[in-house]
N, C-alpha and C. Protein backbone atom coordinates (compact mmCIF):
# COMPACT_ATOMS: atom_id res chain seq x y z
N MET A 1 57.04 -4.19 -5.34
CA MET A 1 57.10 -4.29 -3.82
C MET A 1 55.33 -3.13 -4.15
N LEU A 2 56.01 -1.90 -4.84
CA LEU A 2 55.17 -0.87 -5.24
C LEU A 2 53.42 -1.40 -6.74
N LYS A 3 53.77 -2.33 -6.89
CA LYS A 3 53.22 -2.75 -8.27
C LYS A 3 51.70 -3.40 -7.61
N LYS A 4 52.21 -4.35 -6.18
CA LYS A 4 51.39 -4.72 -5.29
C LYS A 4 50.81 -3.67 -4.02
N HIS A 5 51.03 -2.96 -3.23
CA HIS A 5 50.23 -1.65 -2.88
C HIS A 5 49.23 -0.98 -3.45
N VAL A 6 49.86 -1.04 -5.32
CA VAL A 6 49.18 0.20 -5.79
C VAL A 6 47.88 -0.86 -6.45
N ARG A 7 47.56 -2.42 -6.69
CA ARG A 7 47.07 -3.25 -7.33
C ARG A 7 46.47 -3.28 -5.76
N ASN A 8 46.50 -3.57 -4.71
CA ASN A 8 45.69 -3.44 -3.95
C ASN A 8 45.08 -2.32 -2.48
N PHE A 9 45.63 -1.32 -3.53
CA PHE A 9 45.08 -0.37 -2.74
C PHE A 9 44.16 -0.04 -1.87
N ASN A 10 42.71 -0.47 -2.39
CA ASN A 10 41.46 -0.23 -1.89
C ASN A 10 41.71 -1.21 -1.15
N CYS A 11 41.73 -2.22 -0.83
CA CYS A 11 41.71 -3.41 0.80
C CYS A 11 42.70 -2.55 1.61
N LEU A 12 43.94 -1.84 1.48
CA LEU A 12 45.34 -1.45 2.34
C LEU A 12 44.19 0.01 2.53
N SER A 13 43.52 0.73 1.82
CA SER A 13 43.17 2.14 2.38
C SER A 13 42.26 2.25 3.19
N THR A 14 41.23 0.84 3.44
CA THR A 14 40.22 0.14 4.28
C THR A 14 40.99 -0.34 5.44
N LEU A 15 42.03 -0.12 5.26
CA LEU A 15 42.22 -1.45 6.08
C LEU A 15 43.26 0.25 7.25
N CYS A 16 44.12 0.02 6.73
CA CYS A 16 44.85 2.08 7.38
C CYS A 16 45.02 2.83 7.65
N GLY A 17 44.07 3.23 6.26
CA GLY A 17 43.77 4.95 6.38
C GLY A 17 44.37 5.18 5.27
N LYS A 18 44.69 7.02 6.29
CA LYS A 18 45.49 7.93 5.93
C LYS A 18 47.02 7.13 5.07
N GLY A 19 47.40 6.57 5.90
CA GLY A 19 49.01 6.30 5.66
C GLY A 19 49.16 5.88 4.60
N VAL A 20 48.24 4.84 4.43
CA VAL A 20 48.77 3.98 3.21
C VAL A 20 48.02 4.76 1.85
N ARG A 21 47.31 5.72 2.48
CA ARG A 21 47.02 6.82 0.46
C ARG A 21 47.49 7.86 -0.13
N GLU A 22 48.95 8.07 1.31
CA GLU A 22 49.87 9.18 1.42
C GLU A 22 51.21 7.57 0.35
N PHE A 23 50.51 6.78 1.44
CA PHE A 23 52.57 6.14 0.49
C PHE A 23 51.66 6.01 -1.46
N PHE A 24 50.11 5.41 -1.16
CA PHE A 24 49.80 5.18 -2.65
C PHE A 24 50.36 6.87 -3.55
N HIS A 25 50.51 8.17 -3.14
CA HIS A 25 50.51 9.57 -3.81
C HIS A 25 51.47 9.33 -4.09
N ARG A 26 52.36 8.82 -3.12
CA ARG A 26 54.03 9.16 -3.09
C ARG A 26 54.49 8.10 -4.53
N GLY A 27 53.46 6.91 -4.75
CA GLY A 27 54.26 6.15 -5.83
C GLY A 27 53.49 6.35 -7.05
N VAL A 28 52.53 7.07 -7.30
CA VAL A 28 51.63 7.63 -8.80
C VAL A 28 53.06 8.58 -8.84
N ASP A 29 53.41 8.90 -7.93
CA ASP A 29 54.47 9.94 -8.47
C ASP A 29 55.96 9.63 -8.66
N PHE A 30 55.82 8.19 -8.17
CA PHE A 30 57.23 7.69 -8.77
C PHE A 30 57.28 7.37 -10.18
N LEU A 31 55.50 6.62 -10.87
CA LEU A 31 55.02 6.34 -11.69
C LEU A 31 55.39 7.55 -12.87
N VAL A 32 54.72 8.35 -12.95
CA VAL A 32 54.86 9.37 -13.84
C VAL A 32 56.85 9.86 -14.09
N LYS A 33 57.35 10.12 -12.82
CA LYS A 33 58.55 10.21 -13.76
C LYS A 33 59.63 9.21 -13.66
N GLU A 34 58.71 7.99 -13.99
CA GLU A 34 59.89 6.44 -14.14
C GLU A 34 59.42 6.08 -15.57
N HIS A 35 57.41 6.62 -15.66
CA HIS A 35 56.87 6.09 -16.73
C HIS A 35 55.78 7.03 -17.42
N THR A 36 55.35 7.02 -17.82
CA THR A 36 54.60 7.55 -18.97
C THR A 36 53.09 6.87 -18.21
N PHE A 37 51.57 7.73 -18.00
CA PHE A 37 50.47 6.68 -17.74
C PHE A 37 50.16 6.02 -18.45
N ALA A 38 49.86 5.97 -20.17
CA ALA A 38 49.70 4.74 -21.32
C ALA A 38 50.57 4.29 -20.43
N ALA A 39 51.75 3.77 -20.15
CA ALA A 39 52.41 2.37 -20.05
C ALA A 39 52.49 1.80 -18.89
N ALA A 40 51.23 2.64 -17.17
CA ALA A 40 51.65 2.88 -16.58
C ALA A 40 49.93 1.61 -16.15
N PHE A 41 49.00 1.90 -17.30
CA PHE A 41 47.62 1.65 -17.89
C PHE A 41 47.94 0.29 -18.40
N GLU A 42 49.19 0.14 -19.51
CA GLU A 42 49.03 -1.48 -19.91
C GLU A 42 49.55 -2.36 -19.73
N LYS A 43 50.56 -2.04 -17.94
CA LYS A 43 51.00 -3.34 -17.54
C LYS A 43 50.40 -3.63 -16.53
N GLY A 44 49.51 -2.60 -16.65
CA GLY A 44 48.07 -3.08 -15.28
C GLY A 44 48.56 -2.19 -13.88
N VAL A 45 49.61 -1.08 -13.97
CA VAL A 45 50.49 -1.46 -12.62
C VAL A 45 49.01 -0.02 -12.00
N LEU A 46 49.07 0.61 -12.57
CA LEU A 46 47.84 1.72 -12.18
C LEU A 46 46.47 1.81 -12.75
N ARG A 47 45.49 1.83 -12.10
CA ARG A 47 43.86 1.96 -12.68
C ARG A 47 43.77 3.08 -12.76
N PRO A 48 43.03 3.58 -13.62
CA PRO A 48 42.35 5.14 -14.03
C PRO A 48 41.28 5.44 -12.31
N HIS A 49 39.97 4.66 -11.31
CA HIS A 49 40.13 4.74 -11.08
C HIS A 49 40.79 4.97 -9.52
N LEU A 50 41.81 5.15 -9.30
CA LEU A 50 43.29 4.69 -8.61
C LEU A 50 43.86 5.83 -7.91
N THR A 51 43.40 6.89 -9.94
CA THR A 51 44.82 7.81 -9.56
C THR A 51 43.93 9.01 -8.53
N SER A 52 45.12 9.89 -7.67
CA SER A 52 44.76 11.38 -8.37
C SER A 52 43.90 11.96 -8.65
N PRO A 53 42.74 13.12 -8.28
CA PRO A 53 41.35 14.01 -9.56
C PRO A 53 42.75 14.89 -10.20
N LYS A 54 43.56 14.95 -9.28
CA LYS A 54 44.24 16.39 -9.47
C LYS A 54 45.12 16.21 -10.47
N LYS A 55 46.18 14.77 -10.37
CA LYS A 55 46.75 14.00 -11.35
C LYS A 55 46.30 13.48 -13.13
N LEU A 56 44.86 12.94 -12.53
CA LEU A 56 44.26 13.20 -13.80
C LEU A 56 42.76 13.03 -13.48
N SER A 57 42.02 13.30 -14.57
CA SER A 57 40.79 13.62 -14.99
C SER A 57 40.14 11.70 -15.83
N ILE A 58 39.38 11.50 -15.03
CA ILE A 58 39.06 10.40 -16.33
C ILE A 58 37.53 9.79 -16.72
N VAL A 59 37.22 10.10 -15.89
CA VAL A 59 35.73 9.99 -15.18
C VAL A 59 34.53 11.45 -15.95
N ASN A 60 33.89 11.04 -16.62
CA ASN A 60 33.09 12.17 -17.53
C ASN A 60 31.80 12.11 -16.19
N THR A 61 31.48 13.08 -15.62
CA THR A 61 30.22 13.62 -14.48
C THR A 61 28.67 13.82 -14.85
N LEU A 62 28.71 13.62 -16.06
CA LEU A 62 28.01 14.16 -16.67
C LEU A 62 27.20 12.92 -17.24
N SER A 63 27.64 12.25 -17.79
CA SER A 63 27.45 10.56 -17.85
C SER A 63 26.64 9.64 -16.19
N TYR A 64 26.39 10.50 -15.65
CA TYR A 64 25.48 9.84 -14.10
C TYR A 64 24.94 10.85 -14.31
N ARG A 65 24.55 11.87 -15.20
CA ARG A 65 22.95 12.21 -14.62
C ARG A 65 21.95 12.13 -15.21
N THR A 66 21.10 11.47 -14.38
CA THR A 66 19.19 11.05 -15.43
C THR A 66 18.57 11.92 -15.22
N LYS A 67 18.44 11.91 -16.82
CA LYS A 67 17.36 13.07 -17.92
C LYS A 67 15.53 12.36 -16.77
N SER A 68 14.91 13.82 -17.18
CA SER A 68 13.62 13.26 -16.70
C SER A 68 12.63 13.88 -17.97
N THR A 69 12.51 13.16 -18.55
CA THR A 69 11.63 13.46 -19.76
C THR A 69 10.35 14.23 -19.69
N ARG A 70 10.50 15.39 -20.06
CA ARG A 70 9.67 16.93 -20.58
C ARG A 70 7.93 16.43 -20.81
N LYS A 71 6.82 17.12 -20.94
CA LYS A 71 5.66 16.45 -21.37
C LYS A 71 5.42 16.85 -23.16
N GLU A 72 6.37 18.03 -23.16
CA GLU A 72 6.43 18.46 -24.37
C GLU A 72 7.24 17.58 -24.80
N ASP A 73 8.21 16.55 -24.64
CA ASP A 73 8.98 16.16 -24.87
C ASP A 73 8.42 14.29 -26.40
N VAL A 74 7.18 14.75 -24.97
CA VAL A 74 7.42 12.82 -25.33
C VAL A 74 6.60 12.85 -26.66
N GLU A 75 6.83 11.71 -27.13
CA GLU A 75 6.41 11.33 -29.05
C GLU A 75 5.78 10.00 -28.69
N ARG A 76 4.52 9.83 -29.49
CA ARG A 76 3.30 8.97 -28.95
C ARG A 76 3.33 7.81 -30.15
N LYS A 77 3.04 6.62 -29.61
CA LYS A 77 2.63 6.43 -30.85
C LYS A 77 1.54 4.75 -30.88
N TRP A 78 1.16 4.80 -31.94
CA TRP A 78 -0.69 4.06 -31.70
C TRP A 78 0.15 2.26 -32.10
N TYR A 79 -0.89 1.31 -31.44
CA TYR A 79 -0.78 0.07 -30.78
C TYR A 79 -2.39 -0.22 -31.07
N ILE A 80 -2.06 -1.39 -31.75
CA ILE A 80 -3.84 -3.02 -31.77
C ILE A 80 -3.12 -2.91 -31.33
N VAL A 81 -3.59 -4.46 -30.37
CA VAL A 81 -4.17 -6.16 -30.16
C VAL A 81 -5.21 -5.87 -30.31
N ASP A 82 -5.66 -7.75 -30.99
CA ASP A 82 -6.10 -8.38 -30.57
C ASP A 82 -6.30 -9.62 -29.82
N ALA A 83 -7.42 -9.16 -29.43
CA ALA A 83 -7.73 -9.36 -27.73
C ALA A 83 -8.39 -11.10 -27.98
N GLU A 84 -8.63 -12.03 -28.62
CA GLU A 84 -9.02 -12.50 -29.15
C GLU A 84 -8.35 -14.00 -28.74
N GLY A 85 -9.05 -14.35 -27.59
CA GLY A 85 -8.15 -16.23 -26.96
C GLY A 85 -7.49 -15.85 -26.29
N GLN A 86 -6.71 -14.31 -26.25
CA GLN A 86 -5.51 -13.94 -24.89
C GLN A 86 -6.48 -14.07 -23.48
N THR A 87 -5.48 -14.53 -22.69
CA THR A 87 -5.62 -14.50 -21.39
C THR A 87 -5.85 -12.78 -21.21
N ALA A 88 -7.57 -12.92 -20.02
CA ALA A 88 -7.15 -11.77 -19.25
C ALA A 88 -5.84 -11.31 -18.74
N GLY A 89 -5.89 -11.21 -17.37
CA GLY A 89 -4.83 -11.26 -16.73
C GLY A 89 -3.79 -10.69 -17.08
N ARG A 90 -3.39 -11.22 -18.37
CA ARG A 90 -1.98 -11.49 -19.21
C ARG A 90 -1.42 -9.87 -20.10
N LEU A 91 -2.96 -10.29 -21.15
CA LEU A 91 -3.04 -9.34 -21.80
C LEU A 91 -2.88 -7.71 -20.82
N PHE A 92 -3.82 -7.76 -20.22
CA PHE A 92 -4.02 -5.87 -18.89
C PHE A 92 -3.13 -5.95 -18.61
N SER A 93 -2.07 -6.41 -18.00
CA SER A 93 -0.74 -5.72 -17.50
C SER A 93 0.59 -5.93 -18.94
N ARG A 94 0.17 -5.84 -19.82
CA ARG A 94 0.81 -5.88 -21.08
C ARG A 94 0.30 -4.63 -21.44
N ILE A 95 -0.56 -4.07 -21.47
CA ILE A 95 -1.56 -2.76 -21.99
C ILE A 95 -1.07 -1.65 -21.10
N ALA A 96 -1.47 -1.87 -19.50
CA ALA A 96 -0.97 -0.75 -18.75
C ALA A 96 0.67 -0.59 -18.43
N HIS A 97 1.01 -1.45 -18.50
CA HIS A 97 2.60 -1.62 -18.78
C HIS A 97 2.81 -0.21 -19.89
N VAL A 98 2.73 -0.13 -22.01
CA VAL A 98 2.60 0.50 -22.93
C VAL A 98 2.07 1.57 -22.54
N LEU A 99 1.08 1.64 -21.60
CA LEU A 99 -0.32 2.81 -21.20
C LEU A 99 1.15 4.13 -20.52
N ARG A 100 1.93 3.35 -19.62
CA ARG A 100 2.50 4.08 -18.79
C ARG A 100 3.76 3.66 -19.22
N GLY A 101 3.89 3.77 -20.09
CA GLY A 101 5.38 3.82 -20.85
C GLY A 101 6.24 3.23 -20.60
N LYS A 102 6.84 2.27 -19.42
CA LYS A 102 7.74 1.90 -18.78
C LYS A 102 8.08 0.92 -20.32
N HIS A 103 7.69 1.12 -21.13
CA HIS A 103 8.94 0.46 -22.20
C HIS A 103 9.53 1.67 -23.16
N LYS A 104 9.62 1.94 -22.64
CA LYS A 104 10.81 3.43 -23.23
C LYS A 104 12.27 3.48 -22.43
N PRO A 105 13.14 3.30 -23.10
CA PRO A 105 14.30 3.85 -22.35
C PRO A 105 13.99 5.55 -21.46
N ASP A 106 12.96 6.04 -21.90
CA ASP A 106 13.16 7.79 -21.45
C ASP A 106 11.98 7.70 -20.74
N TYR A 107 11.62 6.11 -19.78
CA TYR A 107 11.32 6.49 -19.13
C TYR A 107 11.15 6.98 -17.69
N THR A 108 9.71 8.28 -17.12
CA THR A 108 9.69 9.50 -15.96
C THR A 108 8.99 8.46 -16.02
N PRO A 109 8.87 8.10 -14.14
CA PRO A 109 7.44 8.27 -13.85
C PRO A 109 6.48 9.24 -13.05
N HIS A 110 7.09 10.45 -13.40
CA HIS A 110 5.96 11.11 -12.80
C HIS A 110 5.31 11.83 -14.00
N VAL A 111 6.23 11.47 -15.31
CA VAL A 111 5.30 12.20 -16.90
C VAL A 111 4.84 10.75 -17.40
N ASP A 112 3.29 11.39 -17.85
CA ASP A 112 2.84 10.54 -18.56
C ASP A 112 3.84 10.30 -20.54
N THR A 113 4.17 9.21 -20.38
CA THR A 113 5.48 8.86 -21.10
C THR A 113 4.61 7.49 -22.46
N GLY A 114 3.03 7.57 -21.66
CA GLY A 114 2.92 5.63 -22.98
C GLY A 114 2.15 6.45 -23.92
N ASP A 115 1.46 5.03 -24.74
CA ASP A 115 1.17 5.09 -26.33
C ASP A 115 0.02 5.34 -25.94
N TYR A 116 -0.77 4.81 -27.10
CA TYR A 116 -1.56 5.05 -27.68
C TYR A 116 -2.01 3.79 -27.86
N VAL A 117 -3.13 2.34 -27.05
CA VAL A 117 -3.88 1.10 -27.29
C VAL A 117 -4.98 1.07 -27.99
N ILE A 118 -4.83 0.29 -29.51
CA ILE A 118 -6.40 0.29 -29.56
C ILE A 118 -6.84 -1.48 -29.25
N VAL A 119 -7.59 -1.87 -28.50
CA VAL A 119 -8.56 -3.30 -28.47
C VAL A 119 -9.21 -3.38 -29.29
N ILE A 120 -9.66 -4.40 -29.95
CA ILE A 120 -10.07 -5.35 -30.56
C ILE A 120 -10.53 -6.57 -30.11
N ASN A 121 -11.94 -6.76 -30.94
CA ASN A 121 -12.47 -8.75 -30.47
C ASN A 121 -12.38 -8.40 -28.93
N ALA A 122 -12.54 -7.76 -27.57
CA ALA A 122 -12.90 -7.66 -26.37
C ALA A 122 -13.28 -8.31 -25.41
N ASP A 123 -14.77 -8.84 -27.01
CA ASP A 123 -15.68 -9.70 -26.37
C ASP A 123 -15.72 -11.41 -26.27
N LYS A 124 -14.26 -11.39 -27.34
CA LYS A 124 -13.46 -13.51 -26.92
C LYS A 124 -12.46 -13.13 -26.52
N ILE A 125 -12.40 -12.67 -24.95
CA ILE A 125 -11.24 -13.09 -24.11
C ILE A 125 -11.24 -14.35 -23.75
N ARG A 126 -10.08 -14.18 -23.03
CA ARG A 126 -10.37 -15.67 -22.21
C ARG A 126 -10.01 -15.31 -21.19
N PHE A 127 -10.51 -16.29 -19.57
CA PHE A 127 -10.63 -16.21 -18.54
C PHE A 127 -10.49 -18.12 -18.47
N THR A 128 -9.34 -17.97 -17.35
CA THR A 128 -9.03 -19.25 -17.45
C THR A 128 -9.54 -20.13 -16.04
N GLY A 129 -9.92 -21.54 -16.30
CA GLY A 129 -10.24 -21.53 -14.47
C GLY A 129 -11.36 -21.81 -14.81
N LYS A 130 -12.18 -21.82 -13.74
CA LYS A 130 -13.41 -21.31 -13.32
C LYS A 130 -13.68 -19.65 -12.97
N LYS A 131 -12.96 -18.78 -13.59
CA LYS A 131 -13.40 -17.28 -13.29
C LYS A 131 -14.06 -16.35 -14.13
N LEU A 132 -15.02 -16.75 -15.06
CA LEU A 132 -15.66 -16.75 -15.86
C LEU A 132 -17.21 -16.95 -14.72
N GLN A 133 -17.28 -18.07 -14.08
CA GLN A 133 -18.45 -18.03 -12.89
C GLN A 133 -18.53 -17.79 -11.22
N GLN A 134 -16.98 -17.30 -11.44
CA GLN A 134 -16.41 -17.11 -10.43
C GLN A 134 -16.11 -15.59 -9.30
N LYS A 135 -15.60 -15.25 -10.79
CA LYS A 135 -14.46 -13.44 -10.09
C LYS A 135 -16.16 -12.41 -10.57
N GLU A 136 -16.27 -12.20 -9.34
CA GLU A 136 -17.06 -10.98 -9.08
C GLU A 136 -16.55 -9.27 -9.17
N TYR A 137 -17.63 -9.06 -10.38
CA TYR A 137 -17.46 -7.28 -9.69
C TYR A 137 -18.57 -6.48 -9.83
N VAL A 138 -17.99 -6.11 -8.65
CA VAL A 138 -18.88 -4.85 -7.67
C VAL A 138 -18.93 -3.72 -8.55
N ARG A 139 -20.05 -2.80 -7.99
CA ARG A 139 -20.50 -1.80 -7.85
C ARG A 139 -21.74 -1.06 -7.05
N PHE A 140 -21.57 0.32 -7.02
CA PHE A 140 -22.84 0.43 -6.20
C PHE A 140 -23.63 1.83 -7.27
N THR A 141 -24.67 2.23 -6.79
CA THR A 141 -25.39 2.21 -7.96
C THR A 141 -25.59 4.05 -7.54
N GLY A 142 -25.27 4.57 -6.03
CA GLY A 142 -25.17 6.15 -5.53
C GLY A 142 -26.41 5.50 -4.90
N TYR A 143 -27.32 4.64 -4.03
CA TYR A 143 -28.39 5.17 -4.15
C TYR A 143 -28.78 3.56 -3.37
N PRO A 144 -29.70 3.70 -1.89
CA PRO A 144 -29.38 2.98 -0.60
C PRO A 144 -29.90 1.46 -1.67
N GLY A 145 -28.69 0.91 -0.92
CA GLY A 145 -29.10 -0.82 -1.34
C GLY A 145 -29.00 -1.23 -2.70
N GLY A 146 -28.28 0.00 -3.08
CA GLY A 146 -27.93 0.11 -4.68
C GLY A 146 -26.98 -0.67 -4.96
N GLN A 147 -25.95 -1.72 -4.41
CA GLN A 147 -25.11 -2.71 -3.97
C GLN A 147 -25.24 -3.89 -5.36
N ARG A 148 -24.47 -3.94 -6.87
CA ARG A 148 -24.90 -4.64 -8.37
C ARG A 148 -23.86 -5.29 -7.81
N ILE A 149 -23.80 -7.07 -7.87
CA ILE A 149 -22.64 -7.78 -7.94
C ILE A 149 -23.46 -8.50 -9.56
N GLU A 150 -21.96 -8.63 -10.51
CA GLU A 150 -22.36 -9.53 -11.45
C GLU A 150 -21.02 -10.29 -11.75
N THR A 151 -20.93 -10.76 -12.31
CA THR A 151 -20.09 -12.86 -12.39
C THR A 151 -19.60 -11.91 -13.91
N ALA A 152 -18.22 -12.36 -14.34
CA ALA A 152 -17.67 -12.17 -15.83
C ALA A 152 -18.36 -12.16 -16.54
N ASP A 153 -19.23 -13.81 -16.73
CA ASP A 153 -19.49 -14.07 -17.85
C ASP A 153 -20.86 -12.93 -17.97
N LYS A 154 -21.72 -13.02 -17.98
CA LYS A 154 -22.61 -12.40 -17.22
C LYS A 154 -22.17 -10.75 -18.07
N LEU A 155 -20.90 -9.99 -17.17
CA LEU A 155 -20.42 -8.70 -17.19
C LEU A 155 -19.89 -8.71 -19.62
N LEU A 156 -19.28 -9.68 -19.68
CA LEU A 156 -18.57 -10.45 -21.02
C LEU A 156 -20.15 -9.76 -21.85
N ASP A 157 -20.99 -10.80 -21.41
CA ASP A 157 -22.28 -10.94 -22.13
C ASP A 157 -22.79 -9.45 -23.07
N ARG A 158 -23.19 -8.82 -21.17
CA ARG A 158 -23.55 -7.53 -21.69
C ARG A 158 -22.67 -6.57 -21.38
N ASN A 159 -20.97 -6.14 -21.25
CA ASN A 159 -21.18 -5.44 -21.61
C ASN A 159 -18.83 -5.87 -22.15
N PRO A 160 -18.93 -6.33 -23.15
CA PRO A 160 -16.97 -6.86 -22.70
C PRO A 160 -15.88 -6.06 -23.07
N VAL A 161 -16.76 -4.20 -23.65
CA VAL A 161 -14.92 -3.20 -22.97
C VAL A 161 -15.08 -2.56 -21.67
N ALA A 162 -16.34 -2.35 -20.62
CA ALA A 162 -16.28 -2.82 -19.76
C ALA A 162 -15.13 -4.03 -18.98
N VAL A 163 -14.91 -4.95 -19.38
CA VAL A 163 -14.19 -5.96 -18.35
C VAL A 163 -12.46 -5.49 -18.81
N VAL A 164 -12.81 -5.13 -20.66
CA VAL A 164 -11.06 -4.57 -20.05
C VAL A 164 -10.55 -4.13 -19.56
N GLU A 165 -11.85 -2.37 -19.90
CA GLU A 165 -11.46 -1.42 -19.03
C GLU A 165 -10.99 -1.65 -18.01
N HIS A 166 -11.63 -2.09 -16.70
CA HIS A 166 -11.41 -2.30 -15.11
C HIS A 166 -10.65 -3.01 -14.83
N GLY A 167 -9.69 -3.68 -16.57
CA GLY A 167 -8.94 -4.59 -15.75
C GLY A 167 -7.48 -3.77 -15.82
N VAL A 168 -7.67 -3.77 -17.11
CA VAL A 168 -6.22 -2.47 -17.42
C VAL A 168 -6.80 -0.65 -15.96
N ARG A 169 -7.59 -0.54 -15.78
CA ARG A 169 -7.77 0.33 -14.92
C ARG A 169 -7.57 -0.21 -13.86
N GLY A 170 -7.30 -0.93 -13.09
CA GLY A 170 -6.39 -1.00 -12.04
C GLY A 170 -5.47 -1.46 -11.64
N MET A 171 -4.73 -1.31 -13.13
CA MET A 171 -3.36 -1.92 -13.26
C MET A 171 -2.45 -0.40 -12.77
N LEU A 172 -3.05 0.57 -13.51
CA LEU A 172 -3.15 2.14 -13.29
C LEU A 172 -2.91 2.37 -12.30
N PRO A 173 -1.70 3.38 -11.96
CA PRO A 173 -1.71 4.82 -11.04
C PRO A 173 -3.24 5.36 -10.12
N LYS A 174 -3.15 4.92 -9.40
CA LYS A 174 -4.51 6.05 -8.61
C LYS A 174 -4.62 7.34 -8.01
N ASN A 175 -4.34 8.22 -9.74
CA ASN A 175 -4.45 9.90 -9.17
C ASN A 175 -4.51 10.33 -10.58
N LYS A 176 -4.47 11.59 -10.77
CA LYS A 176 -4.82 12.21 -11.51
C LYS A 176 -3.51 11.95 -12.79
N LEU A 177 -2.53 11.55 -12.76
CA LEU A 177 -1.49 10.47 -13.89
C LEU A 177 -2.07 9.41 -14.33
N GLY A 178 -3.03 8.43 -13.17
CA GLY A 178 -3.68 7.60 -14.31
C GLY A 178 -4.69 7.62 -14.85
N ARG A 179 -5.65 8.47 -14.36
CA ARG A 179 -6.66 9.02 -15.40
C ARG A 179 -6.06 9.43 -16.50
N ALA A 180 -5.37 10.55 -16.15
CA ALA A 180 -4.50 10.96 -17.98
C ALA A 180 -4.63 10.04 -19.32
N MET A 181 -3.28 8.66 -18.54
CA MET A 181 -2.88 7.49 -19.17
C MET A 181 -4.46 6.81 -19.33
N PHE A 182 -4.67 6.92 -18.79
CA PHE A 182 -6.58 5.74 -19.15
C PHE A 182 -7.19 6.36 -20.65
N LYS A 183 -7.18 7.27 -20.93
CA LYS A 183 -7.67 7.87 -21.73
C LYS A 183 -7.16 7.53 -23.23
N LYS A 184 -6.04 7.48 -23.07
CA LYS A 184 -5.36 6.70 -24.24
C LYS A 184 -5.52 5.21 -24.43
N LEU A 185 -6.20 4.42 -24.37
CA LEU A 185 -7.05 3.20 -23.92
C LEU A 185 -7.87 3.21 -25.19
N PHE A 186 -8.20 2.37 -25.90
CA PHE A 186 -9.76 2.33 -27.17
C PHE A 186 -10.05 0.96 -26.82
N VAL A 187 -10.81 0.47 -26.60
CA VAL A 187 -11.65 -0.76 -26.52
C VAL A 187 -12.95 -1.11 -27.21
N TYR A 188 -12.62 -1.42 -27.90
CA TYR A 188 -14.35 -2.63 -29.16
C TYR A 188 -14.27 -3.72 -28.87
N ALA A 189 -15.84 -4.17 -29.14
CA ALA A 189 -15.86 -5.33 -28.80
C ALA A 189 -15.95 -6.19 -29.70
N GLY A 190 -15.70 -5.74 -31.53
CA GLY A 190 -15.42 -6.33 -32.77
C GLY A 190 -14.32 -6.40 -33.03
N SER A 191 -14.43 -6.29 -34.46
CA SER A 191 -12.87 -6.81 -35.12
C SER A 191 -12.70 -4.34 -36.08
N GLU A 192 -13.82 -3.78 -35.75
CA GLU A 192 -13.92 -2.56 -36.32
C GLU A 192 -13.13 -1.81 -35.30
N HIS A 193 -12.80 -1.17 -35.99
CA HIS A 193 -12.46 0.54 -35.37
C HIS A 193 -12.31 2.06 -35.60
N PRO A 194 -11.88 2.74 -35.79
CA PRO A 194 -12.58 4.28 -35.87
C PRO A 194 -10.68 4.39 -36.04
N HIS A 195 -10.05 4.21 -35.67
CA HIS A 195 -8.81 4.95 -35.91
C HIS A 195 -7.81 4.34 -37.03
N ALA A 196 -7.80 4.18 -38.00
CA ALA A 196 -7.07 3.38 -39.51
C ALA A 196 -6.08 4.74 -39.79
N ALA A 197 -6.38 5.75 -39.17
CA ALA A 197 -5.63 7.52 -39.79
C ALA A 197 -4.39 7.08 -39.48
N GLN A 198 -4.46 6.76 -37.84
CA GLN A 198 -3.50 6.81 -37.04
C GLN A 198 -2.46 6.41 -37.04
N LYS A 199 -3.17 4.64 -38.16
CA LYS A 199 -2.09 4.06 -38.76
C LYS A 199 -1.30 3.26 -37.21
N PRO A 200 -2.56 2.28 -37.02
CA PRO A 200 -1.62 2.06 -35.65
C PRO A 200 -1.17 0.51 -35.92
N GLU A 201 0.46 0.20 -35.03
CA GLU A 201 1.13 -0.83 -35.33
C GLU A 201 1.44 -1.42 -34.75
N PRO A 202 1.56 -2.84 -35.01
CA PRO A 202 0.85 -4.54 -34.08
C PRO A 202 0.91 -4.30 -32.76
N PHE A 203 1.02 -5.17 -31.98
CA PHE A 203 1.58 -4.83 -30.31
C PHE A 203 1.65 -6.24 -29.78
N ASN A 204 3.28 -6.07 -29.87
CA ASN A 204 4.11 -6.56 -29.39
C ASN A 204 4.91 -7.06 -28.60
N PHE A 205 4.15 -7.02 -27.34
CA PHE A 205 4.74 -6.53 -26.06
C PHE A 205 4.78 -8.12 -25.22
């Protein structure tokens, strides 16, 4: 009978309240007198999360603490990605993911924990469907009547770097932290880049 009450303590304490808790603690005292805690655990009569904190301390509360990474402790890597033949939006989202540092287990939202990303062959990126002809990029020169609208194919011919930068920037936070993350992106239209000394790793995300 005692075992049954111990195993169903969660349900009984919810239904009956204080009286059942007192009965349970009396049962724990009985088990301590008659058996060791180890024997009680092996038999399944007593579970760690049901025991009184005064009698047995099982849970290490330090394990519940969430560690926030400091900017001084961030270790950054360099990655290189070849944009040739890759779909624009899908590539931009993966790049933004790495720039923010969300691929790391110690990701902290208010700290720039991201890595550096090098993009080559930006002029050979791929748009699906009719986006090359229908997608429009709007900018404003700052002068009256200075609105400029340009389709994706024209901008890709004129400045392919701007296509990648525009897409990735839109997927980063719109604040000071996002601007710091964007500075870790380096885009080049061709296959050459001046970052060989950083020994960039392949971009496998």
